[in-house]
Amino acid sequence: AGYTAGELMRLLVHHPNTNINFVFSTSNAGNKISKVHQ
């Protein structure tokens, strides 16, 4: 849910060699990632 994770996902989702398998956050479990990182 933090700033560095948001930036990291922004990079990884466009990286040609990576797939985001899971994003762990106990405080946001079940919520869409795009609700936090809009």
All heavy atoms as atom14 arrays in JSON, in Angstrom:
{
  "sequence": "AGYTAGELMRLLVHHPNTNINFVFSTSNAGNKISKVHQ",
  "atom14_mask": [
    [1, 1, 1, 1, 1, 0, 0, 0, 0, 0, 0, 0, 0, 0],
    [1, 1, 1, 1, 0, 0, 0, 0, 0, 0, 0, 0, 0, 0],
    [1, 1, 1, 1, 1, 1, 1, 1, 1, 1, 1, 1, 0, 0],
    [1, 1, 1, 1, 1, 1, 1, 0, 0, 0, 0, 0, 0, 0],
    [1, 1, 1, 1, 1, 0, 0, 0, 0, 0, 0, 0, 0, 0],
    [1, 1, 1, 1, 0, 0, 0, 0, 0, 0, 0, 0, 0, 0],
    [1, 1, 1, 1, 1, 1, 1, 1, 1, 0, 0, 0, 0, 0],
    [1, 1, 1, 1, 1, 1, 1, 1, 0, 0, 0, 0, 0, 0],
    [1, 1, 1, 1, 1, 1, 1, 1, 0, 0, 0, 0, 0, 0],
    [1, 1, 1, 1, 1, 1, 1, 1, 1, 1, 1, 0, 0, 0],
    [1, 1, 1, 1, 1, 1, 1, 1, 0, 0, 0, 0, 0, 0],
    [1, 1, 1, 1, 1, 1, 1, 1, 0, 0, 0, 0, 0, 0],
    [1, 1, 1, 1, 1, 1, 1, 0, 0, 0, 0, 0, 0, 0],
    [1, 1, 1, 1, 1, 1, 1, 1, 1, 1, 0, 0, 0, 0],
    [1, 1, 1, 1, 1, 1, 1, 1, 1, 1, 0, 0, 0, 0],
    [1, 1, 1, 1, 1, 1, 1, 0, 0, 0, 0, 0, 0, 0],
    [1, 1, 1, 1, 1, 1, 1, 1, 0, 0, 0, 0, 0, 0],
    [1, 1, 1, 1, 1, 1, 1, 0, 0, 0, 0, 0, 0, 0],
    [1, 1, 1, 1, 1, 1, 1, 1, 0, 0, 0, 0, 0, 0],
    [1, 1, 1, 1, 1, 1, 1, 1, 0, 0, 0, 0, 0, 0],
    [1, 1, 1, 1, 1, 1, 1, 1, 0, 0, 0, 0, 0, 0],
    [1, 1, 1, 1, 1, 1, 1, 1, 1, 1, 1, 0, 0, 0],
    [1, 1, 1, 1, 1, 1, 1, 0, 0, 0, 0, 0, 0, 0],
    [1, 1, 1, 1, 1, 1, 1, 1, 1, 1, 1, 0, 0, 0],
    [1, 1, 1, 1, 1, 1, 0, 0, 0, 0, 0, 0, 0, 0],
    [1, 1, 1, 1, 1, 1, 1, 0, 0, 0, 0, 0, 0, 0],
    [1, 1, 1, 1, 1, 1, 0, 0, 0, 0, 0, 0, 0, 0],
    [1, 1, 1, 1, 1, 1, 1, 1, 0, 0, 0, 0, 0, 0],
    [1, 1, 1, 1, 1, 0, 0, 0, 0, 0, 0, 0, 0, 0],
    [1, 1, 1, 1, 0, 0, 0, 0, 0, 0, 0, 0, 0, 0],
    [1, 1, 1, 1, 1, 1, 1, 1, 0, 0, 0, 0, 0, 0],
    [1, 1, 1, 1, 1, 1, 1, 1, 1, 0, 0, 0, 0, 0],
    [1, 1, 1, 1, 1, 1, 1, 1, 0, 0, 0, 0, 0, 0],
    [1, 1, 1, 1, 1, 1, 0, 0, 0, 0, 0, 0, 0, 0],
    [1, 1, 1, 1, 1, 1, 1, 1, 1, 0, 0, 0, 0, 0],
    [1, 1, 1, 1, 1, 1, 1, 0, 0, 0, 0, 0, 0, 0],
    [1, 1, 1, 1, 1, 1, 1, 1, 1, 1, 0, 0, 0, 0],
    [1, 1, 1, 1, 1, 1, 1, 1, 1, 0, 0, 0, 0, 0]
  ],
  "atom14_positions": [
    [[0.8, -1.23, 0.0], [0.0, 0.0, 0.0], [0.83, 1.28, 0.0], [0.28, 2.37, -0.16], [-0.93, 0.01, 1.22], [0.0, 0.0, 0.0], [0.0, 0.0, 0.0], [0.0, 0.0, 0.0], [0.0, 0.0, 0.0], [0.0, 0.0, 0.0], [0.0, 0.0, 0.0], [0.0, 0.0, 0.0], [0.0, 0.0, 0.0], [0.0, 0.0, 0.0]],
    [[2.14, 1.17, 0.15], [2.98, 2.36, 0.28], [3.39, 2.96, -1.05], [3.13, 2.43, -2.13], [0.0, 0.0, 0.0], [0.0, 0.0, 0.0], [0.0, 0.0, 0.0], [0.0, 0.0, 0.0], [0.0, 0.0, 0.0], [0.0, 0.0, 0.0], [0.0, 0.0, 0.0], [0.0, 0.0, 0.0], [0.0, 0.0, 0.0], [0.0, 0.0, 0.0]],
    [[4.09, 4.09, -0.97], [4.54, 4.79, -2.16], [5.52, 3.95, -2.99], [5.42, 3.88, -4.22], [5.22, 6.11, -1.79], [4.3, 7.19, -1.29], [4.61, 7.92, -0.14], [3.11, 7.51, -1.96], [3.78, 8.93, 0.32], [2.28, 8.51, -1.5], [2.62, 9.22, -0.36], [1.79, 10.21, 0.1], [0.0, 0.0, 0.0], [0.0, 0.0, 0.0]],
    [[6.51, 3.32, -2.33], [7.5, 2.57, -3.1], [6.86, 1.37, -3.78], [7.22, 1.03, -4.91], [8.67, 2.13, -2.2], [8.19, 1.35, -1.11], [9.45, 3.32, -1.69], [0.0, 0.0, 0.0], [0.0, 0.0, 0.0], [0.0, 0.0, 0.0], [0.0, 0.0, 0.0], [0.0, 0.0, 0.0], [0.0, 0.0, 0.0], [0.0, 0.0, 0.0]],
    [[5.91, 0.72, -3.11], [5.21, -0.4, -3.73], [4.38, 0.06, -4.92], [4.33, -0.61, -5.96], [4.32, -1.11, -2.71], [0.0, 0.0, 0.0], [0.0, 0.0, 0.0], [0.0, 0.0, 0.0], [0.0, 0.0, 0.0], [0.0, 0.0, 0.0], [0.0, 0.0, 0.0], [0.0, 0.0, 0.0], [0.0, 0.0, 0.0], [0.0, 0.0, 0.0]],
    [[3.73, 1.2, -4.8], [2.96, 1.73, -5.92], [3.83, 2.02, -7.12], [3.48, 1.67, -8.25], [0.0, 0.0, 0.0], [0.0, 0.0, 0.0], [0.0, 0.0, 0.0], [0.0, 0.0, 0.0], [0.0, 0.0, 0.0], [0.0, 0.0, 0.0], [0.0, 0.0, 0.0], [0.0, 0.0, 0.0], [0.0, 0.0, 0.0], [0.0, 0.0, 0.0]],
    [[4.98, 2.64, -6.9], [5.91, 2.9, -7.99], [6.45, 1.6, -8.57], [6.61, 1.46, -9.79], [7.07, 3.77, -7.51], [6.7, 5.22, -7.27], [6.29, 5.91, -8.56], [7.16, 6.37, -9.3], [5.07, 5.97, -8.82], [0.0, 0.0, 0.0], [0.0, 0.0, 0.0], [0.0, 0.0, 0.0], [0.0, 0.0, 0.0], [0.0, 0.0, 0.0]],
    [[6.73, 0.64, -7.7], [7.24, -0.65, -8.14], [6.24, -1.34, -9.06], [6.6, -1.85, -10.13], [7.55, -1.52, -6.92], [8.17, -2.88, -7.19], [9.54, -2.76, -7.84], [8.28, -3.68, -5.89], [0.0, 0.0, 0.0], [0.0, 0.0, 0.0], [0.0, 0.0, 0.0], [0.0, 0.0, 0.0], [0.0, 0.0, 0.0], [0.0, 0.0, 0.0]],
    [[4.97, -1.35, -8.67], [3.96, -2.0, -9.5], [3.77, -1.27, -10.83], [3.56, -1.9, -11.87], [2.64, -2.09, -8.74], [2.66, -3.17, -7.67], [1.08, -3.36, -6.84], [1.21, -2.11, -5.57], [0.0, 0.0, 0.0], [0.0, 0.0, 0.0], [0.0, 0.0, 0.0], [0.0, 0.0, 0.0], [0.0, 0.0, 0.0], [0.0, 0.0, 0.0]],
    [[3.87, 0.04, -10.8], [3.77, 0.81, -12.05], [4.87, 0.4, -13.02], [4.64, 0.32, -14.23], [3.87, 2.31, -11.74], [3.76, 3.2, -12.96], [3.61, 4.66, -12.56], [4.82, 5.21, -11.98], [5.78, 5.79, -12.68], [5.7, 5.87, -14.0], [6.83, 6.3, -12.08], [0.0, 0.0, 0.0], [0.0, 0.0, 0.0], [0.0, 0.0, 0.0]],
    [[6.06, 0.12, -12.5], [7.16, -0.33, -13.35], [6.97, -1.78, -13.79], [7.16, -2.1, -14.97], [8.49, -0.18, -12.6], [8.91, 1.23, -12.21], [10.15, 1.19, -11.34], [9.15, 2.08, -13.45], [0.0, 0.0, 0.0], [0.0, 0.0, 0.0], [0.0, 0.0, 0.0], [0.0, 0.0, 0.0], [0.0, 0.0, 0.0], [0.0, 0.0, 0.0]],
    [[6.61, -2.64, -12.85], [6.54, -4.07, -13.15], [5.41, -4.42, -14.12], [5.55, -5.34, -14.93], [6.37, -4.87, -11.86], [7.56, -4.84, -10.9], [7.18, -5.53, -9.58], [8.78, -5.51, -11.51], [0.0, 0.0, 0.0], [0.0, 0.0, 0.0], [0.0, 0.0, 0.0], [0.0, 0.0, 0.0], [0.0, 0.0, 0.0], [0.0, 0.0, 0.0]],
    [[4.3, -3.7, -14.04], [3.17, -4.03, -14.9], [3.48, -3.74, -16.36], [2.88, -4.32, -17.28], [1.9, -3.28, -14.43], [1.93, -1.82, -14.84], [0.63, -3.97, -14.91], [0.0, 0.0, 0.0], [0.0, 0.0, 0.0], [0.0, 0.0, 0.0], [0.0, 0.0, 0.0], [0.0, 0.0, 0.0], [0.0, 0.0, 0.0], [0.0, 0.0, 0.0]],
    [[4.47, -2.86, -16.61], [4.89, -2.55, -17.97], [6.21, -3.23, -18.34], [6.69, -3.06, -19.47], [5.03, -1.04, -18.15], [3.73, -0.3, -18.05], [2.72, -0.44, -18.97], [3.27, 0.58, -17.12], [1.69, 0.32, -18.62], [2.0, 0.95, -17.5], [0.0, 0.0, 0.0], [0.0, 0.0, 0.0], [0.0, 0.0, 0.0], [0.0, 0.0, 0.0]],
    [[6.81, -3.94, -17.4], [8.09, -4.62, -17.67], [7.83, -5.84, -18.55], [6.95, -6.64, -18.25], [8.71, -5.04, -16.33], [10.15, -5.45, -16.41], [10.56, -6.6, -17.05], [11.28, -4.87, -15.91], [11.88, -6.71, -16.94], [12.33, -5.67, -16.26], [0.0, 0.0, 0.0], [0.0, 0.0, 0.0], [0.0, 0.0, 0.0], [0.0, 0.0, 0.0]],
    [[8.57, -6.01, -19.64], [8.27, -7.1, -20.57], [8.58, -8.49, -20.03], [8.12, -9.48, -20.61], [9.16, -6.79, -21.77], [10.3, -6.0, -21.21], [9.7, -5.18, -20.11], [0.0, 0.0, 0.0], [0.0, 0.0, 0.0], [0.0, 0.0, 0.0], [0.0, 0.0, 0.0], [0.0, 0.0, 0.0], [0.0, 0.0, 0.0], [0.0, 0.0, 0.0]],
    [[9.31, -8.59, -18.92], [9.75, -9.9, -18.44], [9.18, -10.27, -17.07], [9.64, -11.24, -16.46], [11.28, -9.94, -18.35], [11.94, -9.71, -19.7], [12.42, -8.62, -19.97], [11.94, -10.72, -20.55], [0.0, 0.0, 0.0], [0.0, 0.0, 0.0], [0.0, 0.0, 0.0], [0.0, 0.0, 0.0], [0.0, 0.0, 0.0], [0.0, 0.0, 0.0]],
    [[8.18, -9.52, -16.57], [7.67, -9.81, -15.24], [6.15, -10.01, -15.23], [5.43, -9.44, -16.05], [8.01, -8.68, -14.24], [7.43, -7.46, -14.7], [9.51, -8.52, -14.09], [0.0, 0.0, 0.0], [0.0, 0.0, 0.0], [0.0, 0.0, 0.0], [0.0, 0.0, 0.0], [0.0, 0.0, 0.0], [0.0, 0.0, 0.0], [0.0, 0.0, 0.0]],
    [[5.71, -10.8, -14.26], [4.29, -10.95, -13.96], [4.11, -10.77, -12.46], [4.78, -11.43, -11.66], [3.79, -12.33, -14.37], [2.32, -12.53, -14.0], [1.45, -11.82, -14.5], [2.05, -13.48, -13.1], [0.0, 0.0, 0.0], [0.0, 0.0, 0.0], [0.0, 0.0, 0.0], [0.0, 0.0, 0.0], [0.0, 0.0, 0.0], [0.0, 0.0, 0.0]],
    [[3.22, -9.85, -12.08], [2.96, -9.64, -10.65], [2.06, -10.78, -10.17], [0.88, -10.85, -10.5], [2.31, -8.27, -10.41], [3.21, -7.14, -10.92], [2.01, -8.08, -8.92], [2.59, -5.76, -10.83], [0.0, 0.0, 0.0], [0.0, 0.0, 0.0], [0.0, 0.0, 0.0], [0.0, 0.0, 0.0], [0.0, 0.0, 0.0], [0.0, 0.0, 0.0]],
    [[2.64, -11.66, -9.36], [1.94, -12.85, -8.89], [1.03, -12.54, -7.72], [-0.11, -13.0, -7.67], [2.98, -13.9, -8.48], [2.39, -15.24, -8.14], [1.83, -15.42, -7.07], [2.51, -16.19, -9.06], [0.0, 0.0, 0.0], [0.0, 0.0, 0.0], [0.0, 0.0, 0.0], [0.0, 0.0, 0.0], [0.0, 0.0, 0.0], [0.0, 0.0, 0.0]],
    [[1.51, -11.76, -6.77], [0.67, -11.35, -5.64], [1.23, -10.07, -5.03], [2.42, -9.77, -5.14], [0.55, -12.45, -4.57], [1.81, -12.66, -3.75], [2.02, -11.95, -2.58], [2.77, -13.57, -4.16], [3.18, -12.14, -1.82], [3.93, -13.77, -3.41], [4.13, -13.04, -2.24], [0.0, 0.0, 0.0], [0.0, 0.0, 0.0], [0.0, 0.0, 0.0]],
    [[0.33, -9.33, -4.38], [0.71, -8.12, -3.65], [0.12, -8.25, -2.25], [-1.1, -8.28, -2.08], [0.21, -6.84, -4.34], [0.61, -5.61, -3.52], [0.76, -6.76, -5.76], [0.0, 0.0, 0.0], [0.0, 0.0, 0.0], [0.0, 0.0, 0.0], [0.0, 0.0, 0.0], [0.0, 0.0, 0.0], [0.0, 0.0, 0.0], [0.0, 0.0, 0.0]],
    [[0.97, -8.34, -1.26], [0.59, -8.63, 0.12], [0.37, -7.34, 0.9], [1.24, -6.47, 0.94], [1.7, -9.47, 0.77], [1.44, -9.87, 2.2], [0.81, -11.06, 2.5], [1.86, -9.06, 3.24], [0.6, -11.45, 3.81], [1.65, -9.42, 4.56], [1.01, -10.62, 4.85], [0.0, 0.0, 0.0], [0.0, 0.0, 0.0], [0.0, 0.0, 0.0]],
    [[-0.8, -7.23, 1.52], [-1.09, -6.1, 2.41], [-2.17, -6.53, 3.38], [-3.31, -6.76, 2.97], [-1.54, -4.87, 1.62], [-1.97, -3.85, 2.5], [0.0, 0.0, 0.0], [0.0, 0.0, 0.0], [0.0, 0.0, 0.0], [0.0, 0.0, 0.0], [0.0, 0.0, 0.0], [0.0, 0.0, 0.0], [0.0, 0.0, 0.0], [0.0, 0.0, 0.0]],
    [[-1.84, -6.68, 4.65], [-2.83, -7.13, 5.63], [-3.94, -6.09, 5.81], [-5.09, -6.44, 6.06], [-2.16, -7.42, 6.97], [-1.4, -6.27, 7.38], [-1.22, -8.62, 6.87], [0.0, 0.0, 0.0], [0.0, 0.0, 0.0], [0.0, 0.0, 0.0], [0.0, 0.0, 0.0], [0.0, 0.0, 0.0], [0.0, 0.0, 0.0], [0.0, 0.0, 0.0]],
    [[-3.62, -4.82, 5.69], [-4.62, -3.78, 5.92], [-5.57, -3.59, 4.74], [-6.64, -2.99, 4.89], [-3.93, -2.44, 6.24], [-3.12, -2.03, 5.16], [0.0, 0.0, 0.0], [0.0, 0.0, 0.0], [0.0, 0.0, 0.0], [0.0, 0.0, 0.0], [0.0, 0.0, 0.0], [0.0, 0.0, 0.0], [0.0, 0.0, 0.0], [0.0, 0.0, 0.0]],
    [[-5.19, -4.12, 3.56], [-6.02, -3.92, 2.36], [-6.45, -5.22, 1.69], [-6.95, -5.19, 0.57], [-5.24, -3.08, 1.34], [-5.16, -1.62, 1.73], [-6.11, -0.87, 1.56], [-4.01, -1.22, 2.27], [0.0, 0.0, 0.0], [0.0, 0.0, 0.0], [0.0, 0.0, 0.0], [0.0, 0.0, 0.0], [0.0, 0.0, 0.0], [0.0, 0.0, 0.0]],
    [[-6.26, -6.34, 2.36], [-6.57, -7.64, 1.75], [-8.0, -7.67, 1.22], [-8.95, -7.28, 1.91], [-6.36, -8.75, 2.77], [0.0, 0.0, 0.0], [0.0, 0.0, 0.0], [0.0, 0.0, 0.0], [0.0, 0.0, 0.0], [0.0, 0.0, 0.0], [0.0, 0.0, 0.0], [0.0, 0.0, 0.0], [0.0, 0.0, 0.0], [0.0, 0.0, 0.0]],
    [[-8.14, -8.09, -0.03], [-9.45, -8.17, -0.68], [-9.82, -6.94, -1.47], [-10.73, -6.99, -2.3], [0.0, 0.0, 0.0], [0.0, 0.0, 0.0], [0.0, 0.0, 0.0], [0.0, 0.0, 0.0], [0.0, 0.0, 0.0], [0.0, 0.0, 0.0], [0.0, 0.0, 0.0], [0.0, 0.0, 0.0], [0.0, 0.0, 0.0], [0.0, 0.0, 0.0]],
    [[-9.15, -5.83, -1.24], [-9.43, -4.6, -1.99], [-8.65, -4.58, -3.31], [-7.55, -5.12, -3.39], [-9.03, -3.37, -1.17], [-9.87, -3.19, 0.07], [-11.05, -3.56, 0.08], [-9.28, -2.65, 1.12], [0.0, 0.0, 0.0], [0.0, 0.0, 0.0], [0.0, 0.0, 0.0], [0.0, 0.0, 0.0], [0.0, 0.0, 0.0], [0.0, 0.0, 0.0]],
    [[-9.21, -3.95, -4.3], [-8.5, -3.8, -5.56], [-7.29, -2.88, -5.35], [-7.39, -1.84, -4.68], [-9.41, -3.23, -6.64], [-10.53, -4.17, -7.07], [-11.27, -3.66, -8.29], [-10.44, -3.77, -9.54], [-11.2, -3.47, -10.77], [0.0, 0.0, 0.0], [0.0, 0.0, 0.0], [0.0, 0.0, 0.0], [0.0, 0.0, 0.0], [0.0, 0.0, 0.0]],
    [[-6.19, -3.26, -5.94], [-4.98, -2.45, -5.82], [-5.21, -1.05, -6.38], [-4.7, -0.06, -5.84], [-3.81, -3.16, -6.55], [-3.4, -4.41, -5.77], [-2.63, -2.23, -6.74], [-2.43, -5.31, -6.49], [0.0, 0.0, 0.0], [0.0, 0.0, 0.0], [0.0, 0.0, 0.0], [0.0, 0.0, 0.0], [0.0, 0.0, 0.0], [0.0, 0.0, 0.0]],
    [[-6.01, -0.95, -7.44], [-6.24, 0.35, -8.08], [-7.08, 1.29, -7.23], [-7.18, 2.48, -7.54], [-6.88, 0.16, -9.46], [-8.1, -0.54, -9.34], [0.0, 0.0, 0.0], [0.0, 0.0, 0.0], [0.0, 0.0, 0.0], [0.0, 0.0, 0.0], [0.0, 0.0, 0.0], [0.0, 0.0, 0.0], [0.0, 0.0, 0.0], [0.0, 0.0, 0.0]],
    [[-7.68, 0.8, -6.14], [-8.38, 1.7, -5.23], [-7.39, 2.46, -4.36], [-7.67, 3.57, -3.89], [-9.36, 0.92, -4.34], [-10.61, 0.43, -5.08], [-11.63, -0.15, -4.13], [-12.3, 0.91, -3.28], [-13.18, 1.8, -4.08], [0.0, 0.0, 0.0], [0.0, 0.0, 0.0], [0.0, 0.0, 0.0], [0.0, 0.0, 0.0], [0.0, 0.0, 0.0]],
    [[-6.22, 1.87, -4.12], [-5.18, 2.54, -3.34], [-4.22, 3.28, -4.27], [-3.92, 4.46, -4.06], [-4.4, 1.52, -2.48], [-3.22, 2.17, -1.78], [-5.34, 0.9, -1.45], [0.0, 0.0, 0.0], [0.0, 0.0, 0.0], [0.0, 0.0, 0.0], [0.0, 0.0, 0.0], [0.0, 0.0, 0.0], [0.0, 0.0, 0.0], [0.0, 0.0, 0.0]],
    [[-3.75, 2.59, -5.3], [-2.84, 3.18, -6.28], [-3.66, 3.53, -7.51], [-3.75, 2.76, -8.47], [-1.71, 2.21, -6.6], [-0.91, 1.82, -5.4], [-0.13, 2.71, -4.71], [-0.79, 0.63, -4.75], [0.45, 2.09, -3.7], [0.06, 0.84, -3.7], [0.0, 0.0, 0.0], [0.0, 0.0, 0.0], [0.0, 0.0, 0.0], [0.0, 0.0, 0.0]],
    [[-4.26, 4.71, -7.49], [-5.29, 5.03, -8.46], [-4.76, 5.3, -9.86], [-5.52, 5.34, -10.82], [-6.12, 6.21, -7.95], [-6.87, 5.84, -6.67], [-7.7, 6.97, -6.11], [-7.86, 8.02, -6.74], [-8.24, 6.77, -4.92], [0.0, 0.0, 0.0], [0.0, 0.0, 0.0], [0.0, 0.0, 0.0], [0.0, 0.0, 0.0], [0.0, 0.0, 0.0]]
  ]
}
